[in-house]
Amino acid sequence: MPRTASPATANPDLPATYEAALEELEQLVAQLDAGQLPLDQLLVRYQRGAALLSFCRDRLTAVENQIQVLEGQQPKPWDAA
């Protein structure tokens, strides 16, 4: 079965890991919340944030799918303890 390229290798502008993308996304949110950027930079940073958010969601979905495979397609509830 051929392996498909990971999202990071498919788009070299994206971080290599979920953690790096999340860190950059948090920085972008802080910059946007500060309200000190010119309008054109707000748009560029918003677009970058949208790309990072999509990357993070895709990575989480991939992990959830792998967990379901490992658990025999039967998701197990998290323990409340």
PDB file of N, CA and C in Angstrom:
ATOM      1  N   MET A   1       0.857  -1.171   0.000  1.00  0.00           N
ATOM      2  CA  MET A   1       0.000   0.000   0.000  1.00  0.00           C
ATOM      3  C   MET A   1       0.905   1.238   0.000  1.00  0.00           C
ATOM      4  N   PRO A   2       0.774   2.139  -0.987  1.00  0.00           N
ATOM      5  CA  PRO A   2       1.635   3.322  -1.023  1.00  0.00           C
ATOM      6  C   PRO A   2       1.264   4.301   0.064  1.00  0.00           C
ATOM      7  N   ARG A   3       2.288   4.933   0.599  1.00  0.00           N
ATOM      8  CA  ARG A   3       2.058   5.941   1.634  1.00  0.00           C
ATOM      9  C   ARG A   3       1.811   7.271   0.975  1.00  0.00           C
ATOM     10  N   THR A   4       0.875   8.005   1.505  1.00  0.00           N
ATOM     11  CA  THR A   4       0.613   9.347   0.993  1.00  0.00           C
ATOM     12  C   THR A   4       1.477  10.328   1.757  1.00  0.00           C
ATOM     13  N   ALA A   5       1.729  11.444   1.143  1.00  0.00           N
ATOM     14  CA  ALA A   5       2.540  12.480   1.789  1.00  0.00           C
ATOM     15  C   ALA A   5       1.793  13.036   2.985  1.00  0.00           C
ATOM     16  N   SER A   6       2.525  13.337   4.038  1.00  0.00           N
ATOM     17  CA  SER A   6       1.908  13.969   5.193  1.00  0.00           C
ATOM     18  C   SER A   6       1.541  15.400   4.822  1.00  0.00           C
ATOM     19  N   PRO A   7       0.606  16.023   5.555  1.00  0.00           N
ATOM     20  CA  PRO A   7       0.240  17.399   5.237  1.00  0.00           C
ATOM     21  C   PRO A   7       1.426  18.348   5.228  1.00  0.00           C
ATOM     22  N   ALA A   8       2.395  18.121   6.098  1.00  0.00           N
ATOM     23  CA  ALA A   8       3.551  19.015   6.148  1.00  0.00           C
ATOM     24  C   ALA A   8       4.420  18.865   4.902  1.00  0.00           C
ATOM     25  N   THR A   9       4.552  17.632   4.379  1.00  0.00           N
ATOM     26  CA  THR A   9       5.355  17.462   3.182  1.00  0.00           C
ATOM     27  C   THR A   9       4.581  17.861   1.942  1.00  0.00           C
ATOM     28  N   ALA A  10       3.268  17.782   1.998  1.00  0.00           N
ATOM     29  CA  ALA A  10       2.458  18.208   0.869  1.00  0.00           C
ATOM     30  C   ALA A  10       2.503  19.725   0.714  1.00  0.00           C
ATOM     31  N   ASN A  11       2.631  20.435   1.811  1.00  0.00           N
ATOM     32  CA  ASN A  11       2.722  21.888   1.800  1.00  0.00           C
ATOM     33  C   ASN A  11       3.901  22.282   2.686  1.00  0.00           C
ATOM     34  N   PRO A  12       5.052  22.568   2.083  1.00  0.00           N
ATOM     35  CA  PRO A  12       6.242  22.857   2.892  1.00  0.00           C
ATOM     36  C   PRO A  12       6.124  24.118   3.743  1.00  0.00           C
ATOM     37  N   ASP A  13       5.097  24.935   3.508  1.00  0.00           N
ATOM     38  CA  ASP A  13       4.911  26.133   4.314  1.00  0.00           C
ATOM     39  C   ASP A  13       4.312  25.816   5.683  1.00  0.00           C
ATOM     40  N   LEU A  14       3.799  24.602   5.851  1.00  0.00           N
ATOM     41  CA  LEU A  14       3.198  24.223   7.124  1.00  0.00           C
ATOM     42  C   LEU A  14       4.254  23.621   8.039  1.00  0.00           C
ATOM     43  N   PRO A  15       4.073  23.770   9.347  1.00  0.00           N
ATOM     44  CA  PRO A  15       5.019  23.179  10.300  1.00  0.00           C
ATOM     45  C   PRO A  15       5.061  21.661  10.152  1.00  0.00           C
ATOM     46  N   ALA A  16       6.120  21.072  10.647  1.00  0.00           N
ATOM     47  CA  ALA A  16       6.302  19.630  10.547  1.00  0.00           C
ATOM     48  C   ALA A  16       5.457  18.865  11.561  1.00  0.00           C
ATOM     49  N   THR A  17       5.089  19.523  12.663  1.00  0.00           N
ATOM     50  CA  THR A  17       4.366  18.818  13.715  1.00  0.00           C
ATOM     51  C   THR A  17       3.122  19.584  14.142  1.00  0.00           C
ATOM     52  N   TYR A  18       2.222  18.851  14.768  1.00  0.00           N
ATOM     53  CA  TYR A  18       1.012  19.442  15.333  1.00  0.00           C
ATOM     54  C   TYR A  18       1.390  20.483  16.389  1.00  0.00           C
ATOM     55  N   GLU A  19       2.363  20.135  17.228  1.00  0.00           N
ATOM     56  CA  GLU A  19       2.750  21.023  18.318  1.00  0.00           C
ATOM     57  C   GLU A  19       3.310  22.348  17.794  1.00  0.00           C
ATOM     58  N   ALA A  20       4.117  22.279  16.735  1.00  0.00           N
ATOM     59  CA  ALA A  20       4.673  23.504  16.147  1.00  0.00           C
ATOM     60  C   ALA A  20       3.565  24.353  15.530  1.00  0.00           C
ATOM     61  N   ALA A  21       2.612  23.700  14.878  1.00  0.00           N
ATOM     62  CA  ALA A  21       1.493  24.433  14.283  1.00  0.00           C
ATOM     63  C   ALA A  21       0.649  25.092  15.362  1.00  0.00           C
ATOM     64  N   LEU A  22       0.398  24.383  16.442  1.00  0.00           N
ATOM     65  CA  LEU A  22      -0.401  24.928  17.538  1.00  0.00           C
ATOM     66  C   LEU A  22       0.294  26.119  18.176  1.00  0.00           C
ATOM     67  N   GLU A  23       1.600  26.025  18.366  1.00  0.00           N
ATOM     68  CA  GLU A  23       2.354  27.139  18.948  1.00  0.00           C
ATOM     69  C   GLU A  23       2.282  28.376  18.047  1.00  0.00           C
ATOM     70  N   GLU A  24       2.470  28.166  16.747  1.00  0.00           N
ATOM     71  CA  GLU A  24       2.390  29.297  15.823  1.00  0.00           C
ATOM     72  C   GLU A  24       0.983  29.878  15.794  1.00  0.00           C
ATOM     73  N   LEU A  25      -0.009  29.011  15.835  1.00  0.00           N
ATOM     74  CA  LEU A  25      -1.400  29.473  15.841  1.00  0.00           C
ATOM     75  C   LEU A  25      -1.693  30.311  17.079  1.00  0.00           C
ATOM     76  N   GLU A  26      -1.192  29.892  18.222  1.00  0.00           N
ATOM     77  CA  GLU A  26      -1.385  30.664  19.455  1.00  0.00           C
ATOM     78  C   GLU A  26      -0.729  32.044  19.344  1.00  0.00           C
ATOM     79  N   GLN A  27       0.450  32.104  18.729  1.00  0.00           N
ATOM     80  CA  GLN A  27       1.119  33.391  18.537  1.00  0.00           C
ATOM     81  C   GLN A  27       0.313  34.292  17.604  1.00  0.00           C
ATOM     82  N   LEU A  28      -0.225  33.707  16.543  1.00  0.00           N
ATOM     83  CA  LEU A  28      -1.035  34.485  15.606  1.00  0.00           C
ATOM     84  C   LEU A  28      -2.291  35.041  16.279  1.00  0.00           C
ATOM     85  N   VAL A  29      -2.932  34.223  17.090  1.00  0.00           N
ATOM     86  CA  VAL A  29      -4.131  34.670  17.801  1.00  0.00           C
ATOM     87  C   VAL A  29      -3.793  35.834  18.719  1.00  0.00           C
ATOM     88  N   ALA A  30      -2.664  35.751  19.397  1.00  0.00           N
ATOM     89  CA  ALA A  30      -2.246  36.846  20.283  1.00  0.00           C
ATOM     90  C   ALA A  30      -2.015  38.121  19.475  1.00  0.00           C
ATOM     91  N   GLN A  31      -1.386  38.001  18.313  1.00  0.00           N
ATOM     92  CA  GLN A  31      -1.154  39.173  17.469  1.00  0.00           C
ATOM     93  C   GLN A  31      -2.473  39.770  16.983  1.00  0.00           C
ATOM     94  N   LEU A  32      -3.382  38.915  16.579  1.00  0.00           N
ATOM     95  CA  LEU A  32      -4.681  39.397  16.099  1.00  0.00           C
ATOM     96  C   LEU A  32      -5.467  40.053  17.228  1.00  0.00           C
ATOM     97  N   ASP A  33      -5.428  39.450  18.402  1.00  0.00           N
ATOM     98  CA  ASP A  33      -6.150  39.998  19.554  1.00  0.00           C
ATOM     99  C   ASP A  33      -5.592  41.340  20.001  1.00  0.00           C
ATOM    100  N   ALA A  34      -4.301  41.548  19.793  1.00  0.00           N
ATOM    101  CA  ALA A  34      -3.681  42.800  20.215  1.00  0.00           C
ATOM    102  C   ALA A  34      -4.228  43.992  19.434  1.00  0.00           C
ATOM    103  N   GLY A  35      -4.691  43.752  18.212  1.00  0.00           N
ATOM    104  CA  GLY A  35      -5.287  44.823  17.419  1.00  0.00           C
ATOM    105  C   GLY A  35      -4.320  45.896  16.975  1.00  0.00           C
ATOM    106  N   GLN A  36      -3.047  45.577  16.878  1.00  0.00           N
ATOM    107  CA  GLN A  36      -2.035  46.575  16.526  1.00  0.00           C
ATOM    108  C   GLN A  36      -1.519  46.440  15.098  1.00  0.00           C
ATOM    109  N   LEU A  37      -2.073  45.515  14.324  1.00  0.00           N
ATOM    110  CA  LEU A  37      -1.577  45.262  12.975  1.00  0.00           C
ATOM    111  C   LEU A  37      -2.378  46.042  11.941  1.00  0.00           C
ATOM    112  N   PRO A  38      -1.727  46.464  10.852  1.00  0.00           N
ATOM    113  CA  PRO A  38      -2.459  47.088   9.751  1.00  0.00           C
ATOM    114  C   PRO A  38      -3.409  46.074   9.114  1.00  0.00           C
ATOM    115  N   LEU A  39      -4.413  46.564   8.449  1.00  0.00           N
ATOM    116  CA  LEU A  39      -5.459  45.724   7.885  1.00  0.00           C
ATOM    117  C   LEU A  39      -4.903  44.651   6.941  1.00  0.00           C
ATOM    118  N   ASP A  40      -3.968  45.000   6.071  1.00  0.00           N
ATOM    119  CA  ASP A  40      -3.436  44.015   5.134  1.00  0.00           C
ATOM    120  C   ASP A  40      -2.695  42.891   5.861  1.00  0.00           C
ATOM    121  N   GLN A  41      -1.997  43.217   6.944  1.00  0.00           N
ATOM    122  CA  GLN A  41      -1.309  42.182   7.715  1.00  0.00           C
ATOM    123  C   GLN A  41      -2.287  41.342   8.524  1.00  0.00           C
ATOM    124  N   LEU A  42      -3.376  41.946   8.945  1.00  0.00           N
ATOM    125  CA  LEU A  42      -4.414  41.176   9.626  1.00  0.00           C
ATOM    126  C   LEU A  42      -4.944  40.082   8.709  1.00  0.00           C
ATOM    127  N   LEU A  43      -5.185  40.438   7.469  1.00  0.00           N
ATOM    128  CA  LEU A  43      -5.706  39.471   6.509  1.00  0.00           C
ATOM    129  C   LEU A  43      -4.696  38.350   6.266  1.00  0.00           C
ATOM    130  N   VAL A  44      -3.426  38.687   6.081  1.00  0.00           N
ATOM    131  CA  VAL A  44      -2.391  37.680   5.847  1.00  0.00           C
ATOM    132  C   VAL A  44      -2.289  36.742   7.044  1.00  0.00           C
ATOM    133  N   ARG A  45      -2.296  37.302   8.235  1.00  0.00           N
ATOM    134  CA  ARG A  45      -2.171  36.470   9.440  1.00  0.00           C
ATOM    135  C   ARG A  45      -3.430  35.631   9.665  1.00  0.00           C
ATOM    136  N   TYR A  46      -4.591  36.185   9.326  1.00  0.00           N
ATOM    137  CA  TYR A  46      -5.829  35.414   9.444  1.00  0.00           C
ATOM    138  C   TYR A  46      -5.782  34.216   8.497  1.00  0.00           C
ATOM    139  N   GLN A  47      -5.316  34.434   7.267  1.00  0.00           N
ATOM    140  CA  GLN A  47      -5.219  33.338   6.300  1.00  0.00           C
ATOM    141  C   GLN A  47      -4.237  32.277   6.778  1.00  0.00           C
ATOM    142  N   ARG A  48      -3.114  32.698   7.335  1.00  0.00           N
ATOM    143  CA  ARG A  48      -2.139  31.750   7.869  1.00  0.00           C
ATOM    144  C   ARG A  48      -2.757  30.962   9.030  1.00  0.00           C
ATOM    145  N   GLY A  49      -3.481  31.662   9.881  1.00  0.00           N
ATOM    146  CA  GLY A  49      -4.153  30.995  10.989  1.00  0.00           C
ATOM    147  C   GLY A  49      -5.159  29.968  10.514  1.00  0.00           C
ATOM    148  N   ALA A  50      -5.902  30.289   9.461  1.00  0.00           N
ATOM    149  CA  ALA A  50      -6.869  29.343   8.907  1.00  0.00           C
ATOM    150  C   ALA A  50      -6.164  28.100   8.372  1.00  0.00           C
ATOM    151  N   ALA A  51      -5.013  28.284   7.720  1.00  0.00           N
ATOM    152  CA  ALA A  51      -4.246  27.145   7.210  1.00  0.00           C
ATOM    153  C   ALA A  51      -3.720  26.292   8.362  1.00  0.00           C
ATOM    154  N   LEU A  52      -3.217  26.938   9.406  1.00  0.00           N
ATOM    155  CA  LEU A  52      -2.711  26.200  10.568  1.00  0.00           C
ATOM    156  C   LEU A  52      -3.836  25.451  11.275  1.00  0.00           C
ATOM    157  N   LEU A  53      -4.994  26.078  11.392  1.00  0.00           N
ATOM    158  CA  LEU A  53      -6.135  25.428  12.028  1.00  0.00           C
ATOM    159  C   LEU A  53      -6.552  24.190  11.242  1.00  0.00           C
ATOM    160  N   SER A  54      -6.592  24.303   9.938  1.00  0.00           N
ATOM    161  CA  SER A  54      -6.928  23.167   9.089  1.00  0.00           C
ATOM    162  C   SER A  54      -5.902  22.041   9.264  1.00  0.00           C
ATOM    163  N   PHE A  55      -4.623  22.399   9.306  1.00  0.00           N
ATOM    164  CA  PHE A  55      -3.560  21.425   9.519  1.00  0.00           C
ATOM    165  C   PHE A  55      -3.759  20.702  10.855  1.00  0.00           C
ATOM    166  N   CYS A  56      -4.026  21.452  11.914  1.00  0.00           N
ATOM    167  CA  CYS A  56      -4.225  20.851  13.240  1.00  0.00           C
ATOM    168  C   CYS A  56      -5.436  19.931  13.255  1.00  0.00           C
ATOM    169  N   ARG A  57      -6.527  20.368  12.653  1.00  0.00           N
ATOM    170  CA  ARG A  57      -7.729  19.523  12.589  1.00  0.00           C
ATOM    171  C   ARG A  57      -7.459  18.241  11.819  1.00  0.00           C
ATOM    172  N   ASP A  58      -6.740  18.347  10.708  1.00  0.00           N
ATOM    173  CA  ASP A  58      -6.412  17.158   9.924  1.00  0.00           C
ATOM    174  C   ASP A  58      -5.558  16.186  10.724  1.00  0.00           C
ATOM    175  N   ARG A  59      -4.579  16.707  11.458  1.00  0.00           N
ATOM    176  CA  ARG A  59      -3.726  15.843  12.270  1.00  0.00           C
ATOM    177  C   ARG A  59      -4.531  15.157  13.379  1.00  0.00           C
ATOM    178  N   LEU A  60      -5.424  15.898  14.032  1.00  0.00           N
ATOM    179  CA  LEU A  60      -6.248  15.305  15.084  1.00  0.00           C
ATOM    180  C   LEU A  60      -7.167  14.227  14.524  1.00  0.00           C
ATOM    181  N   THR A  61      -7.745  14.479  13.367  1.00  0.00           N
ATOM    182  CA  THR A  61      -8.607  13.491  12.723  1.00  0.00           C
ATOM    183  C   THR A  61      -7.822  12.232  12.387  1.00  0.00           C
ATOM    184  N   ALA A  62      -6.599  12.396  11.879  1.00  0.00           N
ATOM    185  CA  ALA A  62      -5.756  11.247  11.555  1.00  0.00           C
ATOM    186  C   ALA A  62      -5.456  10.418  12.805  1.00  0.00           C
ATOM    187  N   VAL A  63      -5.171  11.097  13.901  1.00  0.00           N
ATOM    188  CA  VAL A  63      -4.890  10.391  15.152  1.00  0.00           C
ATOM    189  C   VAL A  63      -6.147   9.671  15.651  1.00  0.00           C
ATOM    190  N   GLU A  64      -7.288  10.337  15.596  1.00  0.00           N
ATOM    191  CA  GLU A  64      -8.540   9.700  16.017  1.00  0.00           C
ATOM    192  C   GLU A  64      -8.831   8.461  15.178  1.00  0.00           C
ATOM    193  N   ASN A  65      -8.604   8.553  13.871  1.00  0.00           N
ATOM    194  CA  ASN A  65      -8.826   7.408  13.000  1.00  0.00           C
ATOM    195  C   ASN A  65      -7.886   6.263  13.344  1.00  0.00           C
ATOM    196  N   GLN A  66      -6.634   6.576  13.627  1.00  0.00           N
ATOM    197  CA  GLN A  66      -5.672   5.541  13.993  1.00  0.00           C
ATOM    198  C   GLN A  66      -6.064   4.883  15.306  1.00  0.00           C
ATOM    199  N   ILE A  67      -6.536   5.661  16.255  1.00  0.00           N
ATOM    200  CA  ILE A  67      -6.976   5.098  17.538  1.00  0.00           C
ATOM    201  C   ILE A  67      -8.145   4.143  17.314  1.00  0.00           C
ATOM    202  N   GLN A  68      -9.077   4.519  16.447  1.00  0.00           N
ATOM    203  CA  GLN A  68     -10.209   3.633  16.158  1.00  0.00           C
ATOM    204  C   GLN A  68      -9.735   2.328  15.526  1.00  0.00           C
ATOM    205  N   VAL A  69      -8.749   2.401  14.645  1.00  0.00           N
ATOM    206  CA  VAL A  69      -8.197   1.191  14.036  1.00  0.00           C
ATOM    207  C   VAL A  69      -7.567   0.321  15.118  1.00  0.00           C
ATOM    208  N   LEU A  70      -6.781   0.933  15.987  1.00  0.00           N
ATOM    209  CA  LEU A  70      -6.113   0.181  17.041  1.00  0.00           C
ATOM    210  C   LEU A  70      -7.096  -0.442  18.021  1.00  0.00           C
ATOM    211  N   GLU A  71      -8.253   0.195  18.190  1.00  0.00           N
ATOM    212  CA  GLU A  71      -9.260  -0.313  19.119  1.00  0.00           C
ATOM    213  C   GLU A  71     -10.290  -1.182  18.408  1.00  0.00           C
ATOM    214  N   GLY A  72     -10.011  -1.592  17.195  1.00  0.00           N
ATOM    215  CA  GLY A  72     -10.929  -2.464  16.476  1.00  0.00           C
ATOM    216  C   GLY A  72     -12.203  -1.770  16.062  1.00  0.00           C
ATOM    217  N   GLN A  73     -12.132  -0.508  15.692  1.00  0.00           N
ATOM    218  CA  GLN A  73     -13.269   0.291  15.229  1.00  0.00           C
ATOM    219  C   GLN A  73     -14.294   0.576  16.321  1.00  0.00           C
ATOM    220  N   GLN A  74     -13.987   0.245  17.539  1.00  0.00           N
ATOM    221  CA  GLN A  74     -14.892   0.504  18.649  1.00  0.00           C
ATOM    222  C   GLN A  74     -14.267   1.537  19.581  1.00  0.00           C
ATOM    223  N   PRO A  75     -14.593   2.832  19.406  1.00  0.00           N
ATOM    224  CA  PRO A  75     -14.028   3.837  20.315  1.00  0.00           C
ATOM    225  C   PRO A  75     -14.389   3.517  21.759  1.00  0.00           C
ATOM    226  N   LYS A  76     -13.434   3.671  22.618  1.00  0.00           N
ATOM    227  CA  LYS A  76     -13.663   3.399  24.035  1.00  0.00           C
ATOM    228  C   LYS A  76     -13.818   4.723  24.763  1.00  0.00           C
ATOM    229  N   PRO A  77     -14.736   4.814  25.707  1.00  0.00           N
ATOM    230  CA  PRO A  77     -14.933   6.066  26.439  1.00  0.00           C
ATOM    231  C   PRO A  77     -13.725   6.381  27.328  1.00  0.00           C
ATOM    232  N   TRP A  78     -13.460   7.655  27.484  1.00  0.00           N
ATOM    233  CA  TRP A  78     -12.406   8.082  28.403  1.00  0.00           C
ATOM    234  C   TRP A  78     -12.897   7.875  29.818  1.00  0.00           C
ATOM    235  N   ASP A  79     -12.017   7.423  30.685  1.00  0.00           N
ATOM    236  CA  ASP A  79     -12.377   7.290  32.108  1.00  0.00           C
ATOM    237  C   ASP A  79     -12.472   8.673  32.727  1.00  0.00           C
ATOM    238  N   ALA A  80     -13.483   8.892  33.530  1.00  0.00           N
ATOM    239  CA  ALA A  80     -13.669  10.171  34.192  1.00  0.00           C
ATOM    240  C   ALA A  80     -12.700  10.344  35.363  1.00  0.00           C
ATOM    241  N   ALA A  81     -12.128   9.252  35.839  1.00  0.00           N
ATOM    242  CA  ALA A  81     -11.216   9.302  36.988  1.00  0.00           C
ATOM    243  C   ALA A  81      -9.876   9.860  36.627  1.00  0.00           C
TER     244      ALA A  81
END
